Amino acid sequence: EPRMFNWTFQGLTEQFQYRPSLEGYPDLPGWVRYMYSHEYHSGFLYGTPPERTADSKVPIEIIALNKQTYETKRIVLILAVHRKLPPRNVIQMKIDNLNWVHMMDPGRIENLKNIFRNDLWQESRQDLHIIFM
């Protein structure tokens, strides 16, 4: 997201480039994924942390390059990993006709969860979470 770096998006779809990594290391932790969306002009970090990382803070360094001006900037995001009780029930699904970037939209996630809450699995109404993508 250009605004995180005090930059203004000027309509050039390939204007910015981002390189995330674990601070002090050349790559991200194995459980963190990064995808860039040309639709939203933003990068997304996502993943499911292993149990051993519970109650920790993970510093993610992001180096950004404005390819129009060659200006670079650096920020560090702190991912706070919290311990959660294991879910009582887990289901796994594969959805072929949904673009991954749309799963980053909270409204679409709620719509998908509401299908389960209201139609397919009404018992999940009080405790339904997406835990792995």
Protein backbone atom coordinates (compact mmCIF):
# COMPACT_ATOMS: atom_id res chain seq x y z
CA GLU A 1 0.00 0.00 0.00
CA PRO A 2 1.74 3.22 -1.12
CA ARG A 3 0.18 5.24 1.72
CA MET A 4 2.10 3.17 4.30
CA PHE A 5 5.24 4.78 2.88
CA ASN A 6 3.82 8.31 2.49
CA TRP A 7 3.59 7.87 -1.26
CA THR A 8 0.69 8.77 -3.53
CA PHE A 9 -0.48 6.27 -6.11
CA GLN A 10 -0.25 8.07 -9.46
CA GLY A 11 -2.10 5.58 -11.65
CA LEU A 12 0.93 3.61 -12.84
CA THR A 13 0.15 -0.03 -12.10
CA GLU A 14 3.79 -1.11 -11.80
CA GLN A 15 5.03 2.01 -9.99
CA PHE A 16 5.80 0.37 -6.63
CA GLN A 17 7.63 -2.78 -5.65
CA TYR A 18 7.72 -4.30 -2.16
CA ARG A 19 10.11 -6.84 -0.63
CA PRO A 20 9.04 -8.23 2.76
CA SER A 21 11.30 -10.37 4.97
CA LEU A 22 11.81 -11.28 8.59
CA GLU A 23 13.81 -8.37 10.01
CA GLY A 24 17.51 -9.20 9.74
CA TYR A 25 16.93 -12.17 7.41
CA PRO A 26 16.63 -12.49 3.63
CA ASP A 27 13.20 -14.12 3.55
CA LEU A 28 9.88 -14.39 5.36
CA PRO A 29 9.23 -17.04 8.02
CA GLY A 30 8.05 -20.28 6.42
CA TRP A 31 4.47 -19.78 7.59
CA VAL A 32 4.06 -16.24 6.18
CA ARG A 33 3.13 -15.75 2.53
CA TYR A 34 3.24 -12.55 0.49
CA MET A 35 1.17 -11.82 -2.59
CA TYR A 36 0.87 -8.58 -4.53
CA SER A 37 -2.50 -7.54 -5.97
CA HIS A 38 -2.48 -5.42 -9.11
CA GLU A 39 -6.22 -4.93 -8.56
CA TYR A 40 -5.71 -3.24 -5.17
CA HIS A 41 -2.15 -1.96 -5.80
CA SER A 42 -1.21 -3.50 -2.46
CA GLY A 43 0.70 -6.44 -1.07
CA PHE A 44 -0.85 -8.89 1.38
CA LEU A 45 0.90 -10.87 4.11
CA TYR A 46 -1.03 -13.91 5.32
CA GLY A 47 -0.49 -17.29 6.90
CA THR A 48 -1.14 -19.56 9.85
CA PRO A 49 1.53 -19.41 12.54
CA PRO A 50 2.69 -22.66 14.13
CA GLU A 51 1.87 -23.23 17.79
CA ARG A 52 5.50 -22.64 18.84
CA THR A 53 5.20 -18.97 17.81
CA ALA A 54 2.25 -18.28 20.13
CA ASP A 55 2.56 -15.22 22.36
CA SER A 56 5.42 -13.77 20.32
CA LYS A 57 6.05 -10.76 18.15
CA VAL A 58 7.43 -11.23 14.63
CA PRO A 59 9.14 -8.19 13.06
CA ILE A 60 8.52 -8.04 9.31
CA GLU A 61 10.72 -5.59 7.41
CA ILE A 62 9.31 -4.21 4.17
CA ILE A 63 11.56 -2.47 1.67
CA ALA A 64 9.58 -0.43 -0.85
CA LEU A 65 10.83 0.92 -4.16
CA ASN A 66 9.15 3.66 -6.17
CA LYS A 67 10.21 2.60 -9.66
CA GLN A 68 9.32 5.99 -11.09
CA THR A 69 11.68 7.97 -8.83
CA TYR A 70 13.95 5.14 -7.52
CA GLU A 71 13.23 6.28 -3.98
CA THR A 72 13.36 3.49 -1.40
CA LYS A 73 11.78 3.38 2.02
CA ARG A 74 11.77 0.88 4.88
CA ILE A 75 9.22 0.07 7.55
CA VAL A 76 8.97 -2.67 10.14
CA LEU A 77 5.58 -4.22 10.87
CA ILE A 78 5.18 -6.17 14.08
CA LEU A 79 2.98 -9.24 13.74
CA ALA A 80 1.61 -10.13 17.17
CA VAL A 81 0.93 -13.86 17.39
CA HIS A 82 -1.64 -14.72 20.06
CA ARG A 83 -2.41 -18.10 21.58
CA LYS A 84 -5.90 -19.34 20.77
CA LEU A 85 -7.82 -22.31 22.03
CA PRO A 86 -7.99 -25.02 19.38
CA PRO A 87 -11.27 -25.08 17.48
CA ARG A 88 -13.84 -27.70 18.42
CA ASN A 89 -14.56 -28.48 14.76
CA VAL A 90 -12.47 -27.91 11.65
CA ILE A 91 -13.43 -28.25 8.01
CA GLN A 92 -11.22 -27.82 4.98
CA MET A 93 -12.53 -26.57 1.67
CA LYS A 94 -11.12 -25.88 -1.73
CA ILE A 95 -12.83 -23.07 -3.62
CA ASP A 96 -11.76 -22.95 -7.27
CA ASN A 97 -13.80 -20.02 -8.55
CA LEU A 98 -12.67 -17.33 -6.08
CA ASN A 99 -9.66 -15.12 -6.65
CA TRP A 100 -7.31 -15.19 -3.63
CA VAL A 101 -7.24 -11.39 -3.38
CA HIS A 102 -10.99 -11.35 -2.79
CA MET A 103 -10.40 -13.46 0.33
CA MET A 104 -8.53 -10.43 1.74
CA ASP A 105 -11.71 -8.35 1.53
CA PRO A 106 -13.43 -8.52 4.96
CA GLY A 107 -16.88 -8.08 3.39
CA ARG A 108 -16.43 -11.10 1.13
CA ILE A 109 -15.13 -13.18 4.02
CA GLU A 110 -18.22 -12.30 6.06
CA ASN A 111 -20.48 -13.19 3.12
CA LEU A 112 -18.80 -16.58 2.83
CA LYS A 113 -19.01 -17.19 6.58
CA ASN A 114 -22.69 -16.18 6.56
CA ILE A 115 -23.43 -18.92 4.04
CA PHE A 116 -22.19 -21.39 6.64
CA ARG A 117 -23.80 -19.66 9.61
CA ASN A 118 -27.21 -19.27 7.99
CA ASP A 119 -27.54 -22.13 5.53
CA LEU A 120 -25.00 -24.93 5.78
CA TRP A 121 -23.88 -25.17 9.41
CA GLN A 122 -26.08 -23.17 11.74
CA GLU A 123 -24.36 -24.59 14.84
CA SER A 124 -21.24 -22.63 13.82
CA ARG A 125 -23.01 -19.29 14.27
CA GLN A 126 -21.23 -18.38 17.54
CA ASP A 127 -17.72 -19.60 16.70
CA LEU A 128 -16.73 -19.62 13.03
CA HIS A 129 -13.23 -18.57 11.95
CA ILE A 130 -11.06 -18.95 8.89
CA ILE A 131 -7.83 -20.44 10.20
CA PHE A 132 -5.85 -21.50 7.14
CA MET A 133 -5.56 -20.05 3.65
